[in-house]
Amino acid sequence: MKLVVATKNQGKLREFSEILSKYGYEIISADDAGFHDDVEETGETFEENAIIKAETIYNALKMPTVADDSGLMVDYLNGEPGVYSARYAGDNTTPMQGIEKLLKNLDGVPYEGRSAHFV
């Protein structure tokens, strides 16, 4: 059975395939299934964004679809960038620009106060 994974991240596709192929699933990307649009992640939580992606792609393709959402949560910044991790520095910016903004926002914070976790 084909299962669409709502990601453009080749690493995530590989991970989903490694986990689910032993159960008989053929993992394909949304692109490979014919869905080429970007899905606007308007949720306020990782779970909401994953549901938005999965439902949007399922409704377009009528194929079983799974999705996830992830991001970095910095304790000193009250969980920022969180669900905005990919676009923390704004739309059409590079990952390095997001890192630079994050480091700027942590300027002056001692190393011990820079705890974070990835969700």
PDB file of N, CA and C in Angstrom:
ATOM      1  N   MET A   1       0.841  -1.179   0.000  1.00  0.00           N
ATOM      2  CA  MET A   1       0.000   0.000   0.000  1.00  0.00           C
ATOM      3  C   MET A   1       0.887   1.243   0.000  1.00  0.00           C
ATOM      4  N   LYS A   2       0.549   2.200  -0.847  1.00  0.00           N
ATOM      5  CA  LYS A   2       1.303   3.447  -0.890  1.00  0.00           C
ATOM      6  C   LYS A   2       0.839   4.371   0.229  1.00  0.00           C
ATOM      7  N   LEU A   3       1.793   5.020   0.851  1.00  0.00           N
ATOM      8  CA  LEU A   3       1.522   5.970   1.920  1.00  0.00           C
ATOM      9  C   LEU A   3       2.291   7.245   1.613  1.00  0.00           C
ATOM     10  N   VAL A   4       1.573   8.346   1.509  1.00  0.00           N
ATOM     11  CA  VAL A   4       2.196   9.636   1.224  1.00  0.00           C
ATOM     12  C   VAL A   4       2.693  10.251   2.524  1.00  0.00           C
ATOM     13  N   VAL A   5       3.931  10.724   2.511  1.00  0.00           N
ATOM     14  CA  VAL A   5       4.479  11.439   3.648  1.00  0.00           C
ATOM     15  C   VAL A   5       4.573  12.906   3.249  1.00  0.00           C
ATOM     16  N   ALA A   6       3.940  13.750   4.032  1.00  0.00           N
ATOM     17  CA  ALA A   6       3.836  15.181   3.728  1.00  0.00           C
ATOM     18  C   ALA A   6       5.107  15.902   4.148  1.00  0.00           C
ATOM     19  N   THR A   7       6.166  15.695   3.368  1.00  0.00           N
ATOM     20  CA  THR A   7       7.430  16.374   3.643  1.00  0.00           C
ATOM     21  C   THR A   7       8.235  16.483   2.361  1.00  0.00           C
ATOM     22  N   LYS A   8       9.091  17.485   2.316  1.00  0.00           N
ATOM     23  CA  LYS A   8      10.058  17.610   1.226  1.00  0.00           C
ATOM     24  C   LYS A   8      11.450  17.243   1.735  1.00  0.00           C
ATOM     25  N   ASN A   9      11.525  16.905   3.009  1.00  0.00           N
ATOM     26  CA  ASN A   9      12.776  16.564   3.664  1.00  0.00           C
ATOM     27  C   ASN A   9      13.119  15.099   3.353  1.00  0.00           C
ATOM     28  N   GLN A  10      14.189  14.907   2.581  1.00  0.00           N
ATOM     29  CA  GLN A  10      14.579  13.552   2.180  1.00  0.00           C
ATOM     30  C   GLN A  10      14.957  12.688   3.381  1.00  0.00           C
ATOM     31  N   GLY A  11      15.525  13.292   4.404  1.00  0.00           N
ATOM     32  CA  GLY A  11      15.871  12.550   5.612  1.00  0.00           C
ATOM     33  C   GLY A  11      14.632  12.001   6.315  1.00  0.00           C
ATOM     34  N   LYS A  12      13.600  12.825   6.418  1.00  0.00           N
ATOM     35  CA  LYS A  12      12.358  12.361   7.033  1.00  0.00           C
ATOM     36  C   LYS A  12      11.718  11.255   6.200  1.00  0.00           C
ATOM     37  N   LEU A  13      11.745  11.409   4.874  1.00  0.00           N
ATOM     38  CA  LEU A  13      11.192  10.366   3.999  1.00  0.00           C
ATOM     39  C   LEU A  13      11.903   9.042   4.237  1.00  0.00           C
ATOM     40  N   ARG A  14      13.214   9.093   4.321  1.00  0.00           N
ATOM     41  CA  ARG A  14      14.003   7.893   4.555  1.00  0.00           C
ATOM     42  C   ARG A  14      13.635   7.268   5.904  1.00  0.00           C
ATOM     43  N   GLU A  15      13.481   8.114   6.936  1.00  0.00           N
ATOM     44  CA  GLU A  15      13.128   7.593   8.258  1.00  0.00           C
ATOM     45  C   GLU A  15      11.750   6.931   8.252  1.00  0.00           C
ATOM     46  N   PHE A  16      10.774   7.606   7.633  1.00  0.00           N
ATOM     47  CA  PHE A  16       9.443   7.003   7.545  1.00  0.00           C
ATOM     48  C   PHE A  16       9.510   5.670   6.810  1.00  0.00           C
ATOM     49  N   SER A  17      10.276   5.613   5.740  1.00  0.00           N
ATOM     50  CA  SER A  17      10.396   4.385   4.957  1.00  0.00           C
ATOM     51  C   SER A  17      11.037   3.270   5.784  1.00  0.00           C
ATOM     52  N   GLU A  18      12.098   3.597   6.513  1.00  0.00           N
ATOM     53  CA  GLU A  18      12.759   2.601   7.354  1.00  0.00           C
ATOM     54  C   GLU A  18      11.810   2.041   8.402  1.00  0.00           C
ATOM     55  N   ILE A  19      10.976   2.888   8.961  1.00  0.00           N
ATOM     56  CA  ILE A  19      10.071   2.465  10.025  1.00  0.00           C
ATOM     57  C   ILE A  19       8.879   1.685   9.474  1.00  0.00           C
ATOM     58  N   LEU A  20       8.292   2.156   8.371  1.00  0.00           N
ATOM     59  CA  LEU A  20       7.018   1.609   7.911  1.00  0.00           C
ATOM     60  C   LEU A  20       7.101   0.586   6.784  1.00  0.00           C
ATOM     61  N   SER A  21       8.221   0.503   6.102  1.00  0.00           N
ATOM     62  CA  SER A  21       8.299  -0.447   4.979  1.00  0.00           C
ATOM     63  C   SER A  21       8.178  -1.890   5.457  1.00  0.00           C
ATOM     64  N   LYS A  22       8.618  -2.169   6.661  1.00  0.00           N
ATOM     65  CA  LYS A  22       8.513  -3.548   7.173  1.00  0.00           C
ATOM     66  C   LYS A  22       7.061  -3.968   7.426  1.00  0.00           C
ATOM     67  N   TYR A  23       6.147  -2.991   7.388  1.00  0.00           N
ATOM     68  CA  TYR A  23       4.723  -3.290   7.541  1.00  0.00           C
ATOM     69  C   TYR A  23       4.005  -3.306   6.184  1.00  0.00           C
ATOM     70  N   GLY A  24       4.794  -3.272   5.112  1.00  0.00           N
ATOM     71  CA  GLY A  24       4.223  -3.377   3.782  1.00  0.00           C
ATOM     72  C   GLY A  24       3.881  -2.061   3.114  1.00  0.00           C
ATOM     73  N   TYR A  25       4.253  -0.944   3.717  1.00  0.00           N
ATOM     74  CA  TYR A  25       3.951   0.358   3.124  1.00  0.00           C
ATOM     75  C   TYR A  25       5.054   0.786   2.164  1.00  0.00           C
ATOM     76  N   GLU A  26       4.644   1.306   1.018  1.00  0.00           N
ATOM     77  CA  GLU A  26       5.569   1.944   0.096  1.00  0.00           C
ATOM     78  C   GLU A  26       5.467   3.446   0.356  1.00  0.00           C
ATOM     79  N   ILE A  27       6.529   4.008   0.862  1.00  0.00           N
ATOM     80  CA  ILE A  27       6.531   5.414   1.258  1.00  0.00           C
ATOM     81  C   ILE A  27       6.876   6.271   0.049  1.00  0.00           C
ATOM     82  N   ILE A  28       6.020   7.263  -0.235  1.00  0.00           N
ATOM     83  CA  ILE A  28       6.297   8.202  -1.316  1.00  0.00           C
ATOM     84  C   ILE A  28       6.084   9.624  -0.806  1.00  0.00           C
ATOM     85  N   SER A  29       6.775  10.537  -1.418  1.00  0.00           N
ATOM     86  CA  SER A  29       6.616  11.944  -1.042  1.00  0.00           C
ATOM     87  C   SER A  29       5.365  12.505  -1.711  1.00  0.00           C
ATOM     88  N   ALA A  30       4.901  13.630  -1.209  1.00  0.00           N
ATOM     89  CA  ALA A  30       3.770  14.313  -1.839  1.00  0.00           C
ATOM     90  C   ALA A  30       4.123  14.687  -3.272  1.00  0.00           C
ATOM     91  N   ASP A  31       5.358  15.124  -3.500  1.00  0.00           N
ATOM     92  CA  ASP A  31       5.813  15.455  -4.856  1.00  0.00           C
ATOM     93  C   ASP A  31       5.697  14.250  -5.775  1.00  0.00           C
ATOM     94  N   ASP A  32       6.187  13.097  -5.314  1.00  0.00           N
ATOM     95  CA  ASP A  32       6.132  11.880  -6.121  1.00  0.00           C
ATOM     96  C   ASP A  32       4.692  11.454  -6.410  1.00  0.00           C
ATOM     97  N   ALA A  33       3.780  11.802  -5.510  1.00  0.00           N
ATOM     98  CA  ALA A  33       2.372  11.459  -5.700  1.00  0.00           C
ATOM     99  C   ALA A  33       1.638  12.475  -6.566  1.00  0.00           C
ATOM    100  N   GLY A  34       2.305  13.574  -6.920  1.00  0.00           N
ATOM    101  CA  GLY A  34       1.690  14.570  -7.792  1.00  0.00           C
ATOM    102  C   GLY A  34       1.212  15.829  -7.100  1.00  0.00           C
ATOM    103  N   PHE A  35       1.533  15.981  -5.814  1.00  0.00           N
ATOM    104  CA  PHE A  35       1.161  17.192  -5.072  1.00  0.00           C
ATOM    105  C   PHE A  35       2.390  18.077  -4.958  1.00  0.00           C
ATOM    106  N   HIS A  36       2.370  19.218  -5.630  1.00  0.00           N
ATOM    107  CA  HIS A  36       3.556  20.064  -5.692  1.00  0.00           C
ATOM    108  C   HIS A  36       3.388  21.410  -4.986  1.00  0.00           C
ATOM    109  N   ASP A  37       2.233  21.666  -4.406  1.00  0.00           N
ATOM    110  CA  ASP A  37       1.992  22.946  -3.743  1.00  0.00           C
ATOM    111  C   ASP A  37       2.652  22.977  -2.368  1.00  0.00           C
ATOM    112  N   ASP A  38       2.895  24.181  -1.874  1.00  0.00           N
ATOM    113  CA  ASP A  38       3.319  24.342  -0.492  1.00  0.00           C
ATOM    114  C   ASP A  38       2.059  24.447   0.357  1.00  0.00           C
ATOM    115  N   VAL A  39       2.065  23.779   1.490  1.00  0.00           N
ATOM    116  CA  VAL A  39       0.933  23.838   2.414  1.00  0.00           C
ATOM    117  C   VAL A  39       1.257  24.881   3.473  1.00  0.00           C
ATOM    118  N   GLU A  40       0.388  25.858   3.607  1.00  0.00           N
ATOM    119  CA  GLU A  40       0.602  26.911   4.596  1.00  0.00           C
ATOM    120  C   GLU A  40       0.321  26.358   5.990  1.00  0.00           C
ATOM    121  N   GLU A  41       1.332  26.408   6.838  1.00  0.00           N
ATOM    122  CA  GLU A  41       1.214  25.898   8.203  1.00  0.00           C
ATOM    123  C   GLU A  41       0.731  27.026   9.100  1.00  0.00           C
ATOM    124  N   THR A  42      -0.565  27.074   9.340  1.00  0.00           N
ATOM    125  CA  THR A  42      -1.165  28.163  10.101  1.00  0.00           C
ATOM    126  C   THR A  42      -1.515  27.757  11.530  1.00  0.00           C
ATOM    127  N   GLY A  43      -1.162  26.550  11.916  1.00  0.00           N
ATOM    128  CA  GLY A  43      -1.474  26.083  13.260  1.00  0.00           C
ATOM    129  C   GLY A  43      -0.633  26.761  14.318  1.00  0.00           C
ATOM    130  N   GLU A  44      -1.109  26.684  15.549  1.00  0.00           N
ATOM    131  CA  GLU A  44      -0.376  27.253  16.675  1.00  0.00           C
ATOM    132  C   GLU A  44       0.429  26.202  17.425  1.00  0.00           C
ATOM    133  N   THR A  45       0.267  24.931  17.023  1.00  0.00           N
ATOM    134  CA  THR A  45       1.014  23.849  17.651  1.00  0.00           C
ATOM    135  C   THR A  45       1.591  22.955  16.553  1.00  0.00           C
ATOM    136  N   PHE A  46       2.563  22.139  16.912  1.00  0.00           N
ATOM    137  CA  PHE A  46       3.130  21.184  15.968  1.00  0.00           C
ATOM    138  C   PHE A  46       2.055  20.216  15.493  1.00  0.00           C
ATOM    139  N   GLU A  47       1.213  19.765  16.405  1.00  0.00           N
ATOM    140  CA  GLU A  47       0.146  18.833  16.057  1.00  0.00           C
ATOM    141  C   GLU A  47      -0.818  19.457  15.043  1.00  0.00           C
ATOM    142  N   GLU A  48      -1.227  20.694  15.274  1.00  0.00           N
ATOM    143  CA  GLU A  48      -2.142  21.351  14.338  1.00  0.00           C
ATOM    144  C   GLU A  48      -1.520  21.465  12.945  1.00  0.00           C
ATOM    145  N   ASN A  49      -0.243  21.821  12.868  1.00  0.00           N
ATOM    146  CA  ASN A  49       0.419  21.938  11.572  1.00  0.00           C
ATOM    147  C   ASN A  49       0.507  20.589  10.865  1.00  0.00           C
ATOM    148  N   ALA A  50       0.781  19.528  11.609  1.00  0.00           N
ATOM    149  CA  ALA A  50       0.842  18.199  11.004  1.00  0.00           C
ATOM    150  C   ALA A  50      -0.526  17.799  10.447  1.00  0.00           C
ATOM    151  N   ILE A  51      -1.566  18.092  11.191  1.00  0.00           N
ATOM    152  CA  ILE A  51      -2.923  17.761  10.725  1.00  0.00           C
ATOM    153  C   ILE A  51      -3.270  18.567   9.476  1.00  0.00           C
ATOM    154  N   ILE A  52      -2.928  19.840   9.465  1.00  0.00           N
ATOM    155  CA  ILE A  52      -3.194  20.689   8.295  1.00  0.00           C
ATOM    156  C   ILE A  52      -2.516  20.102   7.060  1.00  0.00           C
ATOM    157  N   LYS A  53      -1.249  19.724   7.187  1.00  0.00           N
ATOM    158  CA  LYS A  53      -0.515  19.168   6.047  1.00  0.00           C
ATOM    159  C   LYS A  53      -1.130  17.851   5.583  1.00  0.00           C
ATOM    160  N   ALA A  54      -1.393  16.951   6.517  1.00  0.00           N
ATOM    161  CA  ALA A  54      -1.935  15.639   6.146  1.00  0.00           C
ATOM    162  C   ALA A  54      -3.314  15.765   5.504  1.00  0.00           C
ATOM    163  N   GLU A  55      -4.180  16.574   6.088  1.00  0.00           N
ATOM    164  CA  GLU A  55      -5.535  16.720   5.533  1.00  0.00           C
ATOM    165  C   GLU A  55      -5.523  17.401   4.170  1.00  0.00           C
ATOM    166  N   THR A  56      -4.697  18.424   4.001  1.00  0.00           N
ATOM    167  CA  THR A  56      -4.631  19.133   2.725  1.00  0.00           C
ATOM    168  C   THR A  56      -4.179  18.196   1.609  1.00  0.00           C
ATOM    169  N   ILE A  57      -3.138  17.443   1.869  1.00  0.00           N
ATOM    170  CA  ILE A  57      -2.612  16.544   0.835  1.00  0.00           C
ATOM    171  C   ILE A  57      -3.559  15.377   0.608  1.00  0.00           C
ATOM    172  N   TYR A  58      -4.129  14.828   1.679  1.00  0.00           N
ATOM    173  CA  TYR A  58      -5.108  13.749   1.504  1.00  0.00           C
ATOM    174  C   TYR A  58      -6.292  14.227   0.659  1.00  0.00           C
ATOM    175  N   ASN A  59      -6.810  15.401   0.958  1.00  0.00           N
ATOM    176  CA  ASN A  59      -7.966  15.915   0.215  1.00  0.00           C
ATOM    177  C   ASN A  59      -7.644  16.135  -1.260  1.00  0.00           C
ATOM    178  N   ALA A  60      -6.406  16.483  -1.571  1.00  0.00           N
ATOM    179  CA  ALA A  60      -6.018  16.698  -2.967  1.00  0.00           C
ATOM    180  C   ALA A  60      -5.780  15.387  -3.709  1.00  0.00           C
ATOM    181  N   LEU A  61      -5.197  14.399  -3.028  1.00  0.00           N
ATOM    182  CA  LEU A  61      -4.790  13.164  -3.696  1.00  0.00           C
ATOM    183  C   LEU A  61      -5.702  11.969  -3.445  1.00  0.00           C
ATOM    184  N   LYS A  62      -6.452  12.030  -2.358  1.00  0.00           N
ATOM    185  CA  LYS A  62      -7.279  10.893  -1.918  1.00  0.00           C
ATOM    186  C   LYS A  62      -6.425   9.639  -1.716  1.00  0.00           C
ATOM    187  N   MET A  63      -5.248   9.867  -1.136  1.00  0.00           N
ATOM    188  CA  MET A  63      -4.337   8.778  -0.790  1.00  0.00           C
ATOM    189  C   MET A  63      -4.005   8.896   0.699  1.00  0.00           C
ATOM    190  N   PRO A  64      -3.837   7.765   1.386  1.00  0.00           N
ATOM    191  CA  PRO A  64      -3.454   7.838   2.799  1.00  0.00           C
ATOM    192  C   PRO A  64      -2.202   8.691   2.964  1.00  0.00           C
ATOM    193  N   THR A  65      -2.256   9.616   3.913  1.00  0.00           N
ATOM    194  CA  THR A  65      -1.185  10.587   4.097  1.00  0.00           C
ATOM    195  C   THR A  65      -0.865  10.750   5.579  1.00  0.00           C
ATOM    196  N   VAL A  66       0.418  10.802   5.879  1.00  0.00           N
ATOM    197  CA  VAL A  66       0.863  11.116   7.242  1.00  0.00           C
ATOM    198  C   VAL A  66       1.756  12.352   7.178  1.00  0.00           C
ATOM    199  N   ALA A  67       1.821  13.061   8.291  1.00  0.00           N
ATOM    200  CA  ALA A  67       2.640  14.261   8.356  1.00  0.00           C
ATOM    201  C   ALA A  67       3.148  14.433   9.774  1.00  0.00           C
ATOM    202  N   ASP A  68       4.194  15.203   9.884  1.00  0.00           N
ATOM    203  CA  ASP A  68       4.676  15.595  11.198  1.00  0.00           C
ATOM    204  C   ASP A  68       5.061  17.063  11.109  1.00  0.00           C
ATOM    205  N   ASP A  69       5.351  17.638  12.224  1.00  0.00           N
ATOM    206  CA  ASP A  69       5.884  18.988  12.266  1.00  0.00           C
ATOM    207  C   ASP A  69       6.887  19.005  13.402  1.00  0.00           C
ATOM    208  N   SER A  70       7.909  19.796  13.259  1.00  0.00           N
ATOM    209  CA  SER A  70       8.952  19.818  14.275  1.00  0.00           C
ATOM    210  C   SER A  70       9.586  21.197  14.327  1.00  0.00           C
ATOM    211  N   GLY A  71      10.311  21.429  15.399  1.00  0.00           N
ATOM    212  CA  GLY A  71      10.995  22.703  15.535  1.00  0.00           C
ATOM    213  C   GLY A  71      11.793  22.770  16.817  1.00  0.00           C
ATOM    214  N   LEU A  72      12.550  23.843  16.908  1.00  0.00           N
ATOM    215  CA  LEU A  72      13.408  24.082  18.063  1.00  0.00           C
ATOM    216  C   LEU A  72      12.695  24.990  19.052  1.00  0.00           C
ATOM    217  N   MET A  73      12.737  24.620  20.316  1.00  0.00           N
ATOM    218  CA  MET A  73      12.129  25.438  21.369  1.00  0.00           C
ATOM    219  C   MET A  73      13.221  25.839  22.356  1.00  0.00           C
ATOM    220  N   VAL A  74      13.484  27.136  22.405  1.00  0.00           N
ATOM    221  CA  VAL A  74      14.531  27.684  23.275  1.00  0.00           C
ATOM    222  C   VAL A  74      13.864  28.198  24.549  1.00  0.00           C
ATOM    223  N   ASP A  75      14.301  27.664  25.683  1.00  0.00           N
ATOM    224  CA  ASP A  75      13.671  27.994  26.960  1.00  0.00           C
ATOM    225  C   ASP A  75      13.736  29.489  27.268  1.00  0.00           C
ATOM    226  N   TYR A  76      14.891  30.120  27.099  1.00  0.00           N
ATOM    227  CA  TYR A  76      15.042  31.542  27.408  1.00  0.00           C
ATOM    228  C   TYR A  76      14.094  32.400  26.567  1.00  0.00           C
ATOM    229  N   LEU A  77      13.776  31.944  25.373  1.00  0.00           N
ATOM    230  CA  LEU A  77      12.899  32.695  24.462  1.00  0.00           C
ATOM    231  C   LEU A  77      11.444  32.224  24.556  1.00  0.00           C
ATOM    232  N   ASN A  78      11.101  31.622  25.690  1.00  0.00           N
ATOM    233  CA  ASN A  78       9.726  31.162  25.934  1.00  0.00           C
ATOM    234  C   ASN A  78       9.210  30.240  24.828  1.00  0.00           C
ATOM    235  N   GLY A  79      10.094  29.365  24.353  1.00  0.00           N
ATOM    236  CA  GLY A  79       9.700  28.378  23.364  1.00  0.00           C
ATOM    237  C   GLY A  79       9.902  28.791  21.917  1.00  0.00           C
ATOM    238  N   GLU A  80      10.352  30.028  21.683  1.00  0.00           N
ATOM    239  CA  GLU A  80      10.638  30.414  20.301  1.00  0.00           C
ATOM    240  C   GLU A  80      11.862  29.641  19.819  1.00  0.00           C
ATOM    241  N   PRO A  81      11.995  29.420  18.561  1.00  0.00           N
ATOM    242  CA  PRO A  81      11.089  29.733  17.479  1.00  0.00           C
ATOM    243  C   PRO A  81       9.907  28.780  17.350  1.00  0.00           C
ATOM    244  N   GLY A  82       9.954  27.608  17.955  1.00  0.00           N
ATOM    245  CA  GLY A  82       8.812  26.697  17.984  1.00  0.00           C
ATOM    246  C   GLY A  82       8.262  26.384  16.609  1.00  0.00           C
ATOM    247  N   VAL A  83       6.948  26.537  16.449  1.00  0.00           N
ATOM    248  CA  VAL A  83       6.310  26.189  15.172  1.00  0.00           C
ATOM    249  C   VAL A  83       6.773  27.084  14.037  1.00  0.00           C
ATOM    250  N   TYR A  84       7.476  28.161  14.373  1.00  0.00           N
ATOM    251  CA  TYR A  84       7.979  29.080  13.336  1.00  0.00           C
ATOM    252  C   TYR A  84       9.453  28.820  13.008  1.00  0.00           C
ATOM    253  N   SER A  85      10.002  27.714  13.435  1.00  0.00           N
ATOM    254  CA  SER A  85      11.431  27.441  13.255  1.00  0.00           C
ATOM    255  C   SER A  85      11.884  27.596  11.810  1.00  0.00           C
ATOM    256  N   ALA A  86      11.139  27.054  10.870  1.00  0.00           N
ATOM    257  CA  ALA A  86      11.560  27.098   9.461  1.00  0.00           C
ATOM    258  C   ALA A  86      11.494  28.499   8.876  1.00  0.00           C
ATOM    259  N   ARG A  87      10.656  29.337   9.445  1.00  0.00           N
ATOM    260  CA  ARG A  87      10.498  30.694   8.909  1.00  0.00           C
ATOM    261  C   ARG A  87      10.746  31.761   9.983  1.00  0.00           C
ATOM    262  N   TYR A  88      11.613  31.433  10.913  1.00  0.00           N
ATOM    263  CA  TYR A  88      11.893  32.312  12.048  1.00  0.00           C
ATOM    264  C   TYR A  88      12.437  33.667  11.616  1.00  0.00           C
ATOM    265  N   ALA A  89      13.239  33.684  10.572  1.00  0.00           N
ATOM    266  CA  ALA A  89      13.809  34.945  10.086  1.00  0.00           C
ATOM    267  C   ALA A  89      12.920  35.582   9.026  1.00  0.00           C
ATOM    268  N   GLY A  90      11.775  34.997   8.753  1.00  0.00           N
ATOM    269  CA  GLY A  90      10.862  35.536   7.757  1.00  0.00           C
ATOM    270  C   GLY A  90      10.717  34.610   6.562  1.00  0.00           C
ATOM    271  N   ASP A  91       9.762  34.919   5.712  1.00  0.00           N
ATOM    272  CA  ASP A  91       9.547  34.136   4.498  1.00  0.00           C
ATOM    273  C   ASP A  91      10.727  34.320   3.557  1.00  0.00           C
ATOM    274  N   ASN A  92      10.996  33.303   2.784  1.00  0.00           N
ATOM    275  CA  ASN A  92      12.053  33.337   1.765  1.00  0.00           C
ATOM    276  C   ASN A  92      13.434  33.648   2.342  1.00  0.00           C
ATOM    277  N   THR A  93      13.709  33.104   3.512  1.00  0.00           N
ATOM    278  CA  THR A  93      15.034  33.263   4.111  1.00  0.00           C
ATOM    279  C   THR A  93      15.695  31.894   4.192  1.00  0.00           C
ATOM    280  N   THR A  94      16.983  31.905   4.409  1.00  0.00           N
ATOM    281  CA  THR A  94      17.740  30.651   4.496  1.00  0.00           C
ATOM    282  C   THR A  94      17.770  30.150   5.942  1.00  0.00           C
ATOM    283  N   PRO A  95      18.059  28.863   6.120  1.00  0.00           N
ATOM    284  CA  PRO A  95      18.226  28.365   7.486  1.00  0.00           C
ATOM    285  C   PRO A  95      19.298  29.143   8.251  1.00  0.00           C
ATOM    286  N   MET A  96      20.363  29.541   7.574  1.00  0.00           N
ATOM    287  CA  MET A  96      21.427  30.297   8.247  1.00  0.00           C
ATOM    288  C   MET A  96      20.901  31.633   8.763  1.00  0.00           C
ATOM    289  N   GLN A  97      20.003  32.273   8.044  1.00  0.00           N
ATOM    290  CA  GLN A  97      19.426  33.533   8.513  1.00  0.00           C
ATOM    291  C   GLN A  97      18.589  33.295   9.777  1.00  0.00           C
ATOM    292  N   GLY A  98      17.924  32.164   9.853  1.00  0.00           N
ATOM    293  CA  GLY A  98      17.179  31.820  11.062  1.00  0.00           C
ATOM    294  C   GLY A  98      18.105  31.605  12.243  1.00  0.00           C
ATOM    295  N   ILE A  99      19.218  30.942  11.993  1.00  0.00           N
ATOM    296  CA  ILE A  99      20.208  30.715  13.049  1.00  0.00           C
ATOM    297  C   ILE A  99      20.786  32.049  13.521  1.00  0.00           C
ATOM    298  N   GLU A 100      21.092  32.916  12.571  1.00  0.00           N
ATOM    299  CA  GLU A 100      21.644  34.229  12.928  1.00  0.00           C
ATOM    300  C   GLU A 100      20.658  35.033  13.774  1.00  0.00           C
ATOM    301  N   LYS A 101      19.375  34.985  13.429  1.00  0.00           N
ATOM    302  CA  LYS A 101      18.372  35.703  14.224  1.00  0.00           C
ATOM    303  C   LYS A 101      18.289  35.113  15.622  1.00  0.00           C
ATOM    304  N   LEU A 102      18.306  33.792  15.692  1.00  0.00           N
ATOM    305  CA  LEU A 102      18.239  33.127  16.990  1.00  0.00           C
ATOM    306  C   LEU A 102      19.424  33.529  17.862  1.00  0.00           C
ATOM    307  N   LEU A 103      20.615  33.508  17.300  1.00  0.00           N
ATOM    308  CA  LEU A 103      21.800  33.892  18.079  1.00  0.00           C
ATOM    309  C   LEU A 103      21.749  35.358  18.490  1.00  0.00           C
ATOM    310  N   LYS A 104      21.231  36.208  17.614  1.00  0.00           N
ATOM    311  CA  LYS A 104      21.086  37.625  17.972  1.00  0.00           C
ATOM    312  C   LYS A 104      20.130  37.776  19.152  1.00  0.00           C
ATOM    313  N   ASN A 105      19.021  37.013  19.126  1.00  0.00           N
ATOM    314  CA  ASN A 105      18.054  37.089  20.222  1.00  0.00           C
ATOM    315  C   ASN A 105      18.597  36.513  21.524  1.00  0.00           C
ATOM    316  N   LEU A 106      19.658  35.725  21.422  1.00  0.00           N
ATOM    317  CA  LEU A 106      20.287  35.161  22.622  1.00  0.00           C
ATOM    318  C   LEU A 106      21.551  35.924  23.023  1.00  0.00           C
ATOM    319  N   ASP A 107      21.826  37.028  22.342  1.00  0.00           N
ATOM    320  CA  ASP A 107      23.009  37.822  22.637  1.00  0.00           C
ATOM    321  C   ASP A 107      23.007  38.241  24.110  1.00  0.00           C
ATOM    322  N   GLY A 108      24.080  37.985  24.768  1.00  0.00           N
ATOM    323  CA  GLY A 108      24.208  38.351  26.182  1.00  0.00           C
ATOM    324  C   GLY A 108      23.704  37.297  27.141  1.00  0.00           C
ATOM    325  N   VAL A 109      23.042  36.280  26.639  1.00  0.00           N
ATOM    326  CA  VAL A 109      22.547  35.202  27.510  1.00  0.00           C
ATOM    327  C   VAL A 109      23.699  34.236  27.740  1.00  0.00           C
ATOM    328  N   PRO A 110      24.045  33.981  29.013  1.00  0.00           N
ATOM    329  CA  PRO A 110      25.163  33.073  29.276  1.00  0.00           C
ATOM    330  C   PRO A 110      24.876  31.667  28.744  1.00  0.00           C
ATOM    331  N   TYR A 111      25.930  30.940  28.449  1.00  0.00           N
ATOM    332  CA  TYR A 111      25.831  29.596  27.900  1.00  0.00           C
ATOM    333  C   TYR A 111      24.863  28.733  28.715  1.00  0.00           C
ATOM    334  N   GLU A 112      24.929  28.831  30.033  1.00  0.00           N
ATOM    335  CA  GLU A 112      24.083  28.011  30.910  1.00  0.00           C
ATOM    336  C   GLU A 112      22.598  28.312  30.709  1.00  0.00           C
ATOM    337  N   GLY A 113      22.273  29.507  30.232  1.00  0.00           N
ATOM    338  CA  GLY A 113      20.869  29.901  30.040  1.00  0.00           C
ATOM    339  C   GLY A 113      20.332  29.624  28.651  1.00  0.00           C
ATOM    340  N   ARG A 114      21.109  28.931  27.835  1.00  0.00           N
ATOM    341  CA  ARG A 114      20.717  28.685  26.442  1.00  0.00           C
ATOM    342  C   ARG A 114      20.174  27.288  26.219  1.00  0.00           C
ATOM    343  N   SER A 115      19.423  26.783  27.171  1.00  0.00           N
ATOM    344  CA  SER A 115      18.872  25.445  27.009  1.00  0.00           C
ATOM    345  C   SER A 115      17.737  25.456  25.981  1.00  0.00           C
ATOM    346  N   ALA A 116      17.618  24.353  25.286  1.00  0.00           N
ATOM    347  CA  ALA A 116      16.595  24.222  24.246  1.00  0.00           C
ATOM    348  C   ALA A 116      16.313  22.744  24.036  1.00  0.00           C
ATOM    349  N   HIS A 117      15.239  22.466  23.358  1.00  0.00           N
ATOM    350  CA  HIS A 117      14.953  21.087  22.957  1.00  0.00           C
ATOM    351  C   HIS A 117      14.251  21.092  21.608  1.00  0.00           C
ATOM    352  N   PHE A 118      14.398  19.990  20.914  1.00  0.00           N
ATOM    353  CA  PHE A 118      13.813  19.837  19.592  1.00  0.00           C
ATOM    354  C   PHE A 118      12.549  19.005  19.735  1.00  0.00           C
ATOM    355  N   VAL A 119      11.462  19.493  19.176  1.00  0.00           N
ATOM    356  CA  VAL A 119      10.173  18.799  19.236  1.00  0.00           C
ATOM    357  C   VAL A 119       9.857  18.256  17.860  1.00  0.00           C
TER     358      VAL A 119
END
